[in-house]
């Protein structure tokens, strides 16, 4: 049985990090990240990094998929 390789054609928007507090919490999270003057900005950035959260960019995710394909192909040789 052959399974097709995963592909990434398009995408937009950021996924919320774990335990962000629902839709309202995610909205506040994004607002705080986007405002360096917010008193919670630095703590929110640190928390986001601890959650390994990053903004969605199509090219970066395509690159991750490319590296996965390359690694998988090397393992199958």
C-alpha atoms as a PDB file:
ATOM      1  CA  UNK A   1       0.000   0.000   0.000  1.00  0.00           C
ATOM      2  CA  UNK A   2       1.390   3.395  -0.989  1.00  0.00           C
ATOM      3  CA  UNK A   3       0.592   6.460   1.074  1.00  0.00           C
ATOM      4  CA  UNK A   4       0.994   9.862  -0.568  1.00  0.00           C
ATOM      5  CA  UNK A   5       3.545  12.219   0.908  1.00  0.00           C
ATOM      6  CA  UNK A   6       2.092  15.099   2.898  1.00  0.00           C
ATOM      7  CA  UNK A   7       2.009  18.386   1.006  1.00  0.00           C
ATOM      8  CA  UNK A   8       1.433  21.972   2.068  1.00  0.00           C
ATOM      9  CA  UNK A   9      -0.283  24.119  -0.528  1.00  0.00           C
ATOM     10  CA  UNK A  10      -1.551  27.087   1.429  1.00  0.00           C
ATOM     11  CA  UNK A  11      -2.214  28.341   4.911  1.00  0.00           C
ATOM     12  CA  UNK A  12      -2.885  31.429   6.930  1.00  0.00           C
ATOM     13  CA  UNK A  13      -3.199  32.514  10.501  1.00  0.00           C
ATOM     14  CA  UNK A  14      -1.577  31.437  13.694  1.00  0.00           C
ATOM     15  CA  UNK A  15      -2.677  28.541  15.843  1.00  0.00           C
ATOM     16  CA  UNK A  16      -3.087  29.353  19.530  1.00  0.00           C
ATOM     17  CA  UNK A  17      -0.536  27.995  21.978  1.00  0.00           C
ATOM     18  CA  UNK A  18      -1.687  25.488  24.572  1.00  0.00           C
ATOM     19  CA  UNK A  19      -3.549  26.980  27.567  1.00  0.00           C
ATOM     20  CA  UNK A  20      -3.850  30.462  26.059  1.00  0.00           C
ATOM     21  CA  UNK A  21      -7.346  30.881  27.458  1.00  0.00           C
ATOM     22  CA  UNK A  22      -9.728  30.248  24.578  1.00  0.00           C
ATOM     23  CA  UNK A  23     -10.661  32.699  21.831  1.00  0.00           C
ATOM     24  CA  UNK A  24     -10.575  35.739  24.113  1.00  0.00           C
ATOM     25  CA  UNK A  25      -7.211  34.713  25.577  1.00  0.00           C
ATOM     26  CA  UNK A  26      -5.740  34.187  22.111  1.00  0.00           C
ATOM     27  CA  UNK A  27      -6.943  37.613  20.987  1.00  0.00           C
ATOM     28  CA  UNK A  28      -5.354  39.190  24.072  1.00  0.00           C
ATOM     29  CA  UNK A  29      -2.195  37.145  23.491  1.00  0.00           C
ATOM     30  CA  UNK A  30      -1.829  38.435  19.907  1.00  0.00           C
ATOM     31  CA  UNK A  31      -2.605  42.017  20.966  1.00  0.00           C
ATOM     32  CA  UNK A  32       0.043  41.848  23.704  1.00  0.00           C
ATOM     33  CA  UNK A  33       2.672  40.396  21.368  1.00  0.00           C
ATOM     34  CA  UNK A  34       1.951  43.124  18.844  1.00  0.00           C
ATOM     35  CA  UNK A  35       2.381  45.928  21.366  1.00  0.00           C
ATOM     36  CA  UNK A  36       5.901  46.235  22.827  1.00  0.00           C
ATOM     37  CA  UNK A  37       4.603  49.038  25.075  1.00  0.00           C
ATOM     38  CA  UNK A  38       2.188  46.658  26.841  1.00  0.00           C
ATOM     39  CA  UNK A  39       3.452  45.941  30.354  1.00  0.00           C
ATOM     40  CA  UNK A  40       2.835  42.213  29.803  1.00  0.00           C
ATOM     41  CA  UNK A  41       4.673  42.091  26.454  1.00  0.00           C
ATOM     42  CA  UNK A  42       8.023  40.727  27.650  1.00  0.00           C
ATOM     43  CA  UNK A  43       6.420  38.096  29.867  1.00  0.00           C
ATOM     44  CA  UNK A  44       4.110  37.045  27.042  1.00  0.00           C
ATOM     45  CA  UNK A  45       7.025  36.701  24.626  1.00  0.00           C
ATOM     46  CA  UNK A  46       8.874  34.552  27.157  1.00  0.00           C
ATOM     47  CA  UNK A  47       5.776  32.414  27.761  1.00  0.00           C
ATOM     48  CA  UNK A  48       5.246  31.991  23.989  1.00  0.00           C
ATOM     49  CA  UNK A  49       8.845  30.817  23.605  1.00  0.00           C
ATOM     50  CA  UNK A  50       8.374  28.343  26.478  1.00  0.00           C
ATOM     51  CA  UNK A  51       5.315  27.025  24.622  1.00  0.00           C
ATOM     52  CA  UNK A  52       7.453  26.744  21.447  1.00  0.00           C
ATOM     53  CA  UNK A  53       4.863  28.931  19.704  1.00  0.00           C
ATOM     54  CA  UNK A  54       5.705  30.797  16.532  1.00  0.00           C
ATOM     55  CA  UNK A  55       3.787  32.660  13.887  1.00  0.00           C
ATOM     56  CA  UNK A  56       2.668  30.748  10.821  1.00  0.00           C
ATOM     57  CA  UNK A  57       4.651  31.450   7.672  1.00  0.00           C
ATOM     58  CA  UNK A  58       3.978  29.310   4.636  1.00  0.00           C
ATOM     59  CA  UNK A  59       7.591  29.192   3.451  1.00  0.00           C
ATOM     60  CA  UNK A  60       8.971  28.141   6.852  1.00  0.00           C
ATOM     61  CA  UNK A  61       6.437  25.329   7.142  1.00  0.00           C
ATOM     62  CA  UNK A  62       7.166  24.212   3.588  1.00  0.00           C
ATOM     63  CA  UNK A  63      10.863  24.134   4.491  1.00  0.00           C
ATOM     64  CA  UNK A  64      10.109  21.964   7.529  1.00  0.00           C
ATOM     65  CA  UNK A  65       8.166  19.566   5.318  1.00  0.00           C
ATOM     66  CA  UNK A  66      11.026  19.511   2.786  1.00  0.00           C
ATOM     67  CA  UNK A  67      13.509  18.639   5.543  1.00  0.00           C
ATOM     68  CA  UNK A  68      11.158  15.890   6.762  1.00  0.00           C
ATOM     69  CA  UNK A  69      10.993  14.414   3.234  1.00  0.00           C
ATOM     70  CA  UNK A  70      14.777  14.584   2.892  1.00  0.00           C
ATOM     71  CA  UNK A  71      15.350  12.960   6.295  1.00  0.00           C
ATOM     72  CA  UNK A  72      12.789  10.242   5.579  1.00  0.00           C
ATOM     73  CA  UNK A  73      14.364   9.491   2.186  1.00  0.00           C
ATOM     74  CA  UNK A  74      17.804   9.168   3.764  1.00  0.00           C
ATOM     75  CA  UNK A  75      16.422   6.767   6.382  1.00  0.00           C
ATOM     76  CA  UNK A  76      14.825   4.599   3.688  1.00  0.00           C
ATOM     77  CA  UNK A  77      18.061   4.150   1.733  1.00  0.00           C
END
